[in-house]
Amino acid sequence: MVEVKIEPIGYVTSSIKNPKEMSLFCKKGINSPLISKISLKKEFKKGLEGLEKFSHIFVIYFLHKEKRVELKTYPAPTRVKNLPKVGVFASRSQCRPNHIALKLVELIKVNQNEIIVKGLDGIDGSPVLDIKPYIPGFDKPEKTRVAEWYDWLK
């Protein structure tokens, strides 16, 4: 078995300070109005060259304040009636085995080693593991399907 060790490339600065606040912004998805800053370590500054050409990026980060792991969970707040419990991998729950999050956000600005984004639901101080540009030809499937319960959330 291969041992995995990941070092953060930077950290999130956000007005979200705890997991409960985070869940409020998660519900808005890509339409969240929240503005956050990602500060990369200086040695990764060159890796940002050209990123400003993209309107959206994926941010992969560590849910450092989440300690729970729930392999079966409700895919949305329990106040939504009749939702089935599903496996954590069929949900966007924070309570994941490795506490890794993936978020598509709007890129506002790149300045030196800092990135300003809109829609990131990361908690202040969240370690950023990677950043990738959103490329519609690669990332937007022609046909999709979702679980029937997803329509109940709208």
N, C-alpha and C. Protein backbone atom coordinates (compact mmCIF):
# COMPACT_ATOMS: atom_id res chain seq x y z
N MET A 1 0.84 -1.18 0.00
CA MET A 1 0.00 0.00 0.00
C MET A 1 0.89 1.25 0.00
N VAL A 2 0.54 2.21 -0.82
CA VAL A 2 1.28 3.46 -0.93
C VAL A 2 0.82 4.42 0.17
N GLU A 3 1.76 5.03 0.86
CA GLU A 3 1.42 6.05 1.84
C GLU A 3 1.27 7.38 1.12
N VAL A 4 0.24 8.11 1.45
CA VAL A 4 -0.03 9.39 0.80
C VAL A 4 0.26 10.52 1.79
N LYS A 5 1.08 11.46 1.35
CA LYS A 5 1.37 12.64 2.16
C LYS A 5 1.17 13.85 1.26
N ILE A 6 0.31 14.75 1.69
CA ILE A 6 0.01 15.93 0.90
C ILE A 6 0.34 17.17 1.73
N GLU A 7 1.09 18.07 1.14
CA GLU A 7 1.42 19.34 1.79
C GLU A 7 0.54 20.43 1.18
N PRO A 8 -0.06 21.29 1.98
CA PRO A 8 -0.87 22.38 1.44
C PRO A 8 -0.02 23.31 0.56
N ILE A 9 -0.66 23.82 -0.50
CA ILE A 9 0.01 24.82 -1.33
C ILE A 9 -0.34 26.23 -0.86
N GLY A 10 -1.35 26.32 0.01
CA GLY A 10 -1.78 27.61 0.53
C GLY A 10 -2.93 27.45 1.50
N TYR A 11 -3.55 28.59 1.84
CA TYR A 11 -4.61 28.59 2.85
C TYR A 11 -5.71 29.57 2.46
N VAL A 12 -6.92 29.27 2.91
CA VAL A 12 -8.10 30.10 2.65
C VAL A 12 -8.23 31.17 3.74
N THR A 13 -8.55 32.39 3.32
CA THR A 13 -8.97 33.44 4.25
C THR A 13 -10.44 33.70 3.94
N SER A 14 -11.29 33.50 4.95
CA SER A 14 -12.73 33.57 4.74
C SER A 14 -13.43 34.11 5.98
N SER A 15 -14.63 34.62 5.79
CA SER A 15 -15.44 35.05 6.93
C SER A 15 -16.11 33.86 7.61
N ILE A 16 -16.07 32.69 6.98
CA ILE A 16 -16.63 31.47 7.59
C ILE A 16 -15.64 30.96 8.62
N LYS A 17 -16.10 30.82 9.86
CA LYS A 17 -15.20 30.43 10.94
C LYS A 17 -15.44 29.03 11.49
N ASN A 18 -16.57 28.38 11.16
CA ASN A 18 -16.83 27.04 11.69
C ASN A 18 -17.71 26.24 10.73
N PRO A 19 -17.77 24.92 10.90
CA PRO A 19 -18.54 24.06 9.98
C PRO A 19 -20.02 24.41 9.88
N LYS A 20 -20.63 24.89 10.96
CA LYS A 20 -22.06 25.25 10.89
C LYS A 20 -22.27 26.42 9.93
N GLU A 21 -21.40 27.41 9.98
CA GLU A 21 -21.49 28.54 9.04
C GLU A 21 -21.25 28.06 7.62
N MET A 22 -20.33 27.11 7.47
CA MET A 22 -19.99 26.58 6.15
C MET A 22 -21.22 25.99 5.47
N SER A 23 -22.03 25.25 6.23
CA SER A 23 -23.18 24.58 5.62
C SER A 23 -24.20 25.58 5.07
N LEU A 24 -24.26 26.79 5.63
CA LEU A 24 -25.17 27.81 5.10
C LEU A 24 -24.78 28.21 3.68
N PHE A 25 -23.48 28.32 3.42
CA PHE A 25 -23.00 28.72 2.10
C PHE A 25 -22.98 27.55 1.12
N CYS A 26 -22.83 26.33 1.62
CA CYS A 26 -22.83 25.15 0.75
C CYS A 26 -24.12 25.06 -0.06
N LYS A 27 -25.22 25.44 0.56
CA LYS A 27 -26.53 25.31 -0.08
C LYS A 27 -26.64 26.17 -1.33
N LYS A 28 -25.91 27.26 -1.39
CA LYS A 28 -25.98 28.16 -2.54
C LYS A 28 -25.12 27.68 -3.71
N GLY A 29 -24.21 26.76 -3.43
CA GLY A 29 -23.37 26.23 -4.48
C GLY A 29 -22.56 27.30 -5.18
N ILE A 30 -22.47 27.21 -6.48
CA ILE A 30 -21.68 28.14 -7.29
C ILE A 30 -22.23 29.56 -7.20
N ASN A 31 -23.49 29.71 -6.77
CA ASN A 31 -24.11 31.04 -6.70
C ASN A 31 -23.91 31.75 -5.37
N SER A 32 -23.11 31.19 -4.50
CA SER A 32 -22.85 31.84 -3.22
C SER A 32 -22.15 33.18 -3.46
N PRO A 33 -22.58 34.23 -2.76
CA PRO A 33 -21.97 35.55 -2.94
C PRO A 33 -20.66 35.74 -2.16
N LEU A 34 -20.28 34.75 -1.39
CA LEU A 34 -19.13 34.88 -0.49
C LEU A 34 -17.82 35.08 -1.26
N ILE A 35 -17.07 36.10 -0.88
CA ILE A 35 -15.75 36.38 -1.46
C ILE A 35 -14.70 35.88 -0.48
N SER A 36 -13.74 35.12 -0.98
CA SER A 36 -12.66 34.58 -0.15
C SER A 36 -11.32 34.83 -0.84
N LYS A 37 -10.27 34.69 -0.06
CA LYS A 37 -8.91 34.82 -0.60
C LYS A 37 -8.17 33.51 -0.37
N ILE A 38 -7.43 33.09 -1.38
CA ILE A 38 -6.53 31.95 -1.24
C ILE A 38 -5.12 32.51 -1.34
N SER A 39 -4.34 32.30 -0.30
CA SER A 39 -2.94 32.75 -0.29
C SER A 39 -2.05 31.54 -0.48
N LEU A 40 -1.36 31.49 -1.63
CA LEU A 40 -0.45 30.39 -1.89
C LEU A 40 0.90 30.67 -1.26
N LYS A 41 1.59 29.61 -0.91
CA LYS A 41 2.96 29.75 -0.42
C LYS A 41 3.78 30.37 -1.55
N LYS A 42 4.75 31.18 -1.19
CA LYS A 42 5.55 31.93 -2.18
C LYS A 42 6.17 31.02 -3.24
N GLU A 43 6.58 29.82 -2.85
CA GLU A 43 7.24 28.93 -3.82
C GLU A 43 6.30 28.44 -4.93
N PHE A 44 4.99 28.67 -4.79
CA PHE A 44 4.04 28.24 -5.82
C PHE A 44 3.53 29.39 -6.68
N LYS A 45 4.06 30.59 -6.48
CA LYS A 45 3.62 31.78 -7.21
C LYS A 45 3.69 31.58 -8.73
N LYS A 46 4.78 31.00 -9.23
CA LYS A 46 4.92 30.80 -10.68
C LYS A 46 3.83 29.90 -11.24
N GLY A 47 3.30 29.03 -10.41
CA GLY A 47 2.24 28.13 -10.85
C GLY A 47 0.93 28.83 -11.16
N LEU A 48 0.81 30.09 -10.79
CA LEU A 48 -0.41 30.86 -11.05
C LEU A 48 -0.40 31.56 -12.40
N GLU A 49 0.75 31.58 -13.08
CA GLU A 49 0.85 32.27 -14.36
C GLU A 49 -0.16 31.71 -15.36
N GLY A 50 -0.99 32.59 -15.92
CA GLY A 50 -2.00 32.20 -16.90
C GLY A 50 -3.35 31.87 -16.30
N LEU A 51 -3.43 31.68 -14.99
CA LEU A 51 -4.70 31.32 -14.36
C LEU A 51 -5.74 32.43 -14.52
N GLU A 52 -5.29 33.68 -14.57
CA GLU A 52 -6.21 34.81 -14.67
C GLU A 52 -7.02 34.81 -15.96
N LYS A 53 -6.64 33.99 -16.93
CA LYS A 53 -7.37 33.90 -18.20
C LYS A 53 -8.68 33.11 -18.07
N PHE A 54 -8.86 32.43 -16.94
CA PHE A 54 -10.03 31.58 -16.74
C PHE A 54 -11.06 32.28 -15.85
N SER A 55 -12.33 32.01 -16.12
CA SER A 55 -13.40 32.62 -15.32
C SER A 55 -13.69 31.81 -14.06
N HIS A 56 -13.44 30.51 -14.09
CA HIS A 56 -13.76 29.63 -12.97
C HIS A 56 -12.61 28.65 -12.72
N ILE A 57 -12.46 28.27 -11.46
CA ILE A 57 -11.44 27.29 -11.09
C ILE A 57 -12.02 26.29 -10.09
N PHE A 58 -11.42 25.12 -10.06
CA PHE A 58 -11.71 24.14 -9.01
C PHE A 58 -10.71 24.35 -7.89
N VAL A 59 -11.20 24.37 -6.67
CA VAL A 59 -10.33 24.46 -5.49
C VAL A 59 -10.50 23.15 -4.72
N ILE A 60 -9.39 22.48 -4.49
CA ILE A 60 -9.39 21.25 -3.70
C ILE A 60 -8.77 21.62 -2.36
N TYR A 61 -9.52 21.40 -1.30
CA TYR A 61 -9.04 21.82 0.01
C TYR A 61 -9.40 20.81 1.08
N PHE A 62 -8.77 20.96 2.23
CA PHE A 62 -8.94 20.04 3.35
C PHE A 62 -9.92 20.64 4.35
N LEU A 63 -10.90 19.84 4.76
CA LEU A 63 -11.90 20.26 5.74
C LEU A 63 -11.30 20.10 7.14
N HIS A 64 -10.41 21.00 7.50
CA HIS A 64 -9.58 20.84 8.69
C HIS A 64 -10.33 20.94 10.02
N LYS A 65 -11.53 21.48 10.02
CA LYS A 65 -12.28 21.58 11.28
C LYS A 65 -13.37 20.52 11.39
N GLU A 66 -13.47 19.68 10.40
CA GLU A 66 -14.48 18.61 10.43
C GLU A 66 -13.82 17.33 10.92
N LYS A 67 -14.35 16.75 11.97
CA LYS A 67 -13.77 15.53 12.53
C LYS A 67 -14.67 14.31 12.32
N ARG A 68 -15.95 14.55 12.03
CA ARG A 68 -16.90 13.44 11.90
C ARG A 68 -16.70 12.70 10.58
N VAL A 69 -16.96 11.41 10.63
CA VAL A 69 -17.02 10.58 9.43
C VAL A 69 -18.34 9.83 9.50
N GLU A 70 -19.17 9.99 8.50
CA GLU A 70 -20.46 9.30 8.44
C GLU A 70 -20.56 8.63 7.07
N LEU A 71 -20.47 7.31 7.06
CA LEU A 71 -20.53 6.59 5.78
C LEU A 71 -21.94 6.57 5.20
N LYS A 72 -22.96 6.72 6.04
CA LYS A 72 -24.34 6.88 5.59
C LYS A 72 -24.82 8.23 6.12
N THR A 73 -25.42 9.02 5.26
CA THR A 73 -25.80 10.37 5.65
C THR A 73 -27.02 10.83 4.86
N TYR A 74 -27.65 11.88 5.35
CA TYR A 74 -28.70 12.52 4.56
C TYR A 74 -28.01 13.49 3.60
N PRO A 75 -28.44 13.51 2.33
CA PRO A 75 -27.75 14.36 1.34
C PRO A 75 -28.04 15.85 1.48
N ALA A 76 -28.89 16.22 2.42
CA ALA A 76 -29.22 17.63 2.66
C ALA A 76 -29.69 17.75 4.10
N PRO A 77 -29.91 18.97 4.56
CA PRO A 77 -30.38 19.12 5.94
C PRO A 77 -31.62 18.28 6.21
N THR A 78 -31.72 17.75 7.41
CA THR A 78 -32.81 16.84 7.75
C THR A 78 -34.18 17.51 7.74
N ARG A 79 -34.24 18.83 7.65
CA ARG A 79 -35.55 19.49 7.58
C ARG A 79 -36.23 19.25 6.23
N VAL A 80 -35.50 18.75 5.24
CA VAL A 80 -36.10 18.37 3.97
C VAL A 80 -36.70 16.99 4.17
N LYS A 81 -38.02 16.89 4.08
CA LYS A 81 -38.71 15.64 4.40
C LYS A 81 -38.51 14.58 3.32
N ASN A 82 -38.53 13.34 3.77
CA ASN A 82 -38.52 12.15 2.90
C ASN A 82 -37.21 11.92 2.15
N LEU A 83 -36.15 12.57 2.53
CA LEU A 83 -34.88 12.28 1.87
C LEU A 83 -34.34 10.95 2.37
N PRO A 84 -33.85 10.12 1.48
CA PRO A 84 -33.26 8.85 1.92
C PRO A 84 -31.84 9.07 2.43
N LYS A 85 -31.42 8.19 3.33
CA LYS A 85 -30.00 8.19 3.69
C LYS A 85 -29.25 7.56 2.53
N VAL A 86 -28.10 8.13 2.21
CA VAL A 86 -27.28 7.59 1.11
C VAL A 86 -25.85 7.44 1.60
N GLY A 87 -25.05 6.74 0.84
CA GLY A 87 -23.64 6.63 1.17
C GLY A 87 -22.97 7.99 1.01
N VAL A 88 -21.97 8.24 1.81
CA VAL A 88 -21.30 9.55 1.80
C VAL A 88 -20.77 9.90 0.41
N PHE A 89 -20.40 8.88 -0.38
CA PHE A 89 -19.86 9.15 -1.71
C PHE A 89 -20.95 9.52 -2.72
N ALA A 90 -22.22 9.39 -2.31
CA ALA A 90 -23.35 9.82 -3.14
C ALA A 90 -23.90 11.15 -2.62
N SER A 91 -23.10 11.84 -1.83
CA SER A 91 -23.53 13.11 -1.24
C SER A 91 -22.39 14.13 -1.32
N ARG A 92 -22.70 15.35 -0.92
CA ARG A 92 -21.69 16.39 -0.82
C ARG A 92 -21.36 16.67 0.65
N SER A 93 -21.62 15.71 1.51
CA SER A 93 -21.41 15.86 2.95
C SER A 93 -19.97 16.21 3.28
N GLN A 94 -19.80 16.99 4.34
CA GLN A 94 -18.47 17.33 4.86
C GLN A 94 -17.87 16.16 5.64
N CYS A 95 -18.70 15.23 6.06
CA CYS A 95 -18.27 14.15 6.98
C CYS A 95 -17.68 12.97 6.20
N ARG A 96 -16.65 13.22 5.45
CA ARG A 96 -16.05 12.25 4.55
C ARG A 96 -14.84 11.59 5.20
N PRO A 97 -14.47 10.39 4.77
CA PRO A 97 -13.32 9.71 5.38
C PRO A 97 -12.02 10.52 5.34
N ASN A 98 -11.73 11.18 4.23
CA ASN A 98 -10.48 11.93 4.13
C ASN A 98 -10.66 13.44 4.25
N HIS A 99 -11.87 13.88 4.46
CA HIS A 99 -12.18 15.30 4.67
C HIS A 99 -11.60 16.21 3.57
N ILE A 100 -11.72 15.75 2.33
CA ILE A 100 -11.26 16.53 1.19
C ILE A 100 -12.48 17.12 0.48
N ALA A 101 -12.40 18.40 0.15
CA ALA A 101 -13.50 19.09 -0.53
C ALA A 101 -13.05 19.55 -1.91
N LEU A 102 -14.00 19.56 -2.83
CA LEU A 102 -13.79 20.06 -4.19
C LEU A 102 -14.87 21.10 -4.44
N LYS A 103 -14.47 22.28 -4.88
CA LYS A 103 -15.45 23.34 -5.11
C LYS A 103 -15.13 24.09 -6.39
N LEU A 104 -16.13 24.26 -7.23
CA LEU A 104 -16.02 25.10 -8.42
C LEU A 104 -16.38 26.52 -8.01
N VAL A 105 -15.48 27.47 -8.25
CA VAL A 105 -15.69 28.85 -7.83
C VAL A 105 -15.40 29.80 -8.99
N GLU A 106 -15.92 31.01 -8.86
CA GLU A 106 -15.63 32.05 -9.84
C GLU A 106 -14.32 32.72 -9.47
N LEU A 107 -13.44 32.85 -10.44
CA LEU A 107 -12.15 33.51 -10.23
C LEU A 107 -12.34 35.01 -10.44
N ILE A 108 -12.07 35.79 -9.41
CA ILE A 108 -12.22 37.24 -9.49
C ILE A 108 -10.90 37.91 -9.88
N LYS A 109 -9.82 37.51 -9.21
CA LYS A 109 -8.54 38.20 -9.44
C LYS A 109 -7.38 37.33 -8.98
N VAL A 110 -6.26 37.44 -9.70
CA VAL A 110 -5.00 36.83 -9.28
C VAL A 110 -4.02 37.98 -9.08
N ASN A 111 -3.40 38.04 -7.91
CA ASN A 111 -2.45 39.10 -7.60
C ASN A 111 -1.28 38.50 -6.83
N GLN A 112 -0.12 38.46 -7.47
CA GLN A 112 1.08 37.86 -6.87
C GLN A 112 0.78 36.40 -6.52
N ASN A 113 0.79 36.07 -5.23
CA ASN A 113 0.52 34.70 -4.81
C ASN A 113 -0.87 34.57 -4.18
N GLU A 114 -1.75 35.54 -4.46
CA GLU A 114 -3.10 35.51 -3.90
C GLU A 114 -4.15 35.40 -5.00
N ILE A 115 -5.21 34.67 -4.68
CA ILE A 115 -6.32 34.49 -5.60
C ILE A 115 -7.59 34.92 -4.86
N ILE A 116 -8.36 35.79 -5.49
CA ILE A 116 -9.66 36.19 -4.93
C ILE A 116 -10.73 35.42 -5.70
N VAL A 117 -11.62 34.76 -4.95
CA VAL A 117 -12.64 33.92 -5.57
C VAL A 117 -14.01 34.22 -4.98
N LYS A 118 -15.04 33.88 -5.74
CA LYS A 118 -16.42 34.02 -5.27
C LYS A 118 -17.04 32.63 -5.23
N GLY A 119 -17.67 32.31 -4.09
CA GLY A 119 -18.40 31.05 -3.98
C GLY A 119 -17.68 29.94 -3.25
N LEU A 120 -16.52 30.20 -2.69
CA LEU A 120 -15.79 29.16 -1.95
C LEU A 120 -16.37 29.06 -0.55
N ASP A 121 -16.77 27.85 -0.15
CA ASP A 121 -17.37 27.65 1.17
C ASP A 121 -16.37 27.12 2.19
N GLY A 122 -15.09 27.30 1.94
CA GLY A 122 -14.06 26.85 2.86
C GLY A 122 -14.00 27.71 4.11
N ILE A 123 -13.68 27.07 5.21
CA ILE A 123 -13.55 27.75 6.50
C ILE A 123 -12.22 28.49 6.54
N ASP A 124 -12.18 29.61 7.24
CA ASP A 124 -10.96 30.38 7.40
C ASP A 124 -9.83 29.47 7.89
N GLY A 125 -8.71 29.50 7.19
CA GLY A 125 -7.56 28.67 7.55
C GLY A 125 -7.53 27.31 6.87
N SER A 126 -8.54 26.99 6.05
CA SER A 126 -8.55 25.70 5.37
C SER A 126 -7.32 25.55 4.49
N PRO A 127 -6.61 24.43 4.62
CA PRO A 127 -5.46 24.18 3.75
C PRO A 127 -5.91 23.89 2.32
N VAL A 128 -5.32 24.57 1.36
CA VAL A 128 -5.62 24.34 -0.05
C VAL A 128 -4.62 23.32 -0.58
N LEU A 129 -5.15 22.27 -1.22
CA LEU A 129 -4.31 21.17 -1.71
C LEU A 129 -3.97 21.31 -3.18
N ASP A 130 -4.88 21.89 -3.97
CA ASP A 130 -4.62 22.06 -5.40
C ASP A 130 -5.65 23.02 -5.99
N ILE A 131 -5.32 23.55 -7.15
CA ILE A 131 -6.19 24.46 -7.91
C ILE A 131 -6.09 24.03 -9.37
N LYS A 132 -7.24 23.97 -10.03
CA LYS A 132 -7.26 23.61 -11.45
C LYS A 132 -8.26 24.49 -12.18
N PRO A 133 -7.98 24.87 -13.42
CA PRO A 133 -8.95 25.68 -14.16
C PRO A 133 -10.15 24.85 -14.58
N TYR A 134 -11.31 25.49 -14.63
CA TYR A 134 -12.51 24.87 -15.19
C TYR A 134 -12.44 25.04 -16.69
N ILE A 135 -12.52 23.94 -17.42
CA ILE A 135 -12.47 23.95 -18.88
C ILE A 135 -13.72 23.22 -19.38
N PRO A 136 -14.69 23.96 -19.94
CA PRO A 136 -15.96 23.34 -20.32
C PRO A 136 -15.80 22.08 -21.19
N GLY A 137 -14.87 22.10 -22.13
CA GLY A 137 -14.69 20.93 -22.99
C GLY A 137 -14.26 19.68 -22.25
N PHE A 138 -13.59 19.85 -21.12
CA PHE A 138 -13.15 18.72 -20.29
C PHE A 138 -14.14 18.43 -19.16
N ASP A 139 -14.70 19.48 -18.59
CA ASP A 139 -15.42 19.35 -17.32
C ASP A 139 -16.94 19.37 -17.43
N LYS A 140 -17.49 19.71 -18.58
CA LYS A 140 -18.94 19.79 -18.73
C LYS A 140 -19.43 18.62 -19.58
N PRO A 141 -20.03 17.62 -18.94
CA PRO A 141 -20.51 16.47 -19.70
C PRO A 141 -21.71 16.82 -20.58
N GLU A 142 -21.85 16.11 -21.69
CA GLU A 142 -22.99 16.36 -22.58
C GLU A 142 -24.29 15.91 -21.94
N LYS A 143 -24.27 14.74 -21.33
CA LYS A 143 -25.48 14.20 -20.69
C LYS A 143 -25.16 13.90 -19.24
N THR A 144 -26.10 14.22 -18.37
CA THR A 144 -25.92 13.94 -16.95
C THR A 144 -27.20 13.32 -16.39
N ARG A 145 -27.06 12.71 -15.22
CA ARG A 145 -28.22 12.27 -14.46
C ARG A 145 -27.89 12.46 -12.99
N VAL A 146 -28.90 12.68 -12.20
CA VAL A 146 -28.74 12.82 -10.76
C VAL A 146 -29.81 11.96 -10.09
N ALA A 147 -29.59 11.67 -8.82
CA ALA A 147 -30.57 10.90 -8.05
C ALA A 147 -31.89 11.67 -7.99
N GLU A 148 -32.99 10.93 -7.97
CA GLU A 148 -34.31 11.58 -7.98
C GLU A 148 -34.52 12.51 -6.78
N TRP A 149 -33.88 12.22 -5.65
CA TRP A 149 -34.06 13.07 -4.48
C TRP A 149 -33.47 14.46 -4.69
N TYR A 150 -32.55 14.60 -5.64
CA TYR A 150 -31.95 15.91 -5.89
C TYR A 150 -33.01 16.94 -6.28
N ASP A 151 -33.99 16.52 -7.06
CA ASP A 151 -35.06 17.44 -7.47
C ASP A 151 -35.88 17.93 -6.29
N TRP A 152 -35.90 17.16 -5.21
CA TRP A 152 -36.65 17.57 -4.01
C TRP A 152 -35.97 18.74 -3.31
N LEU A 153 -34.70 18.95 -3.58
CA LEU A 153 -33.94 20.00 -2.90
C LEU A 153 -34.15 21.37 -3.53
N LYS A 154 -34.65 21.40 -4.74
CA LYS A 154 -34.80 22.68 -5.46
C LYS A 154 -35.93 23.52 -4.91
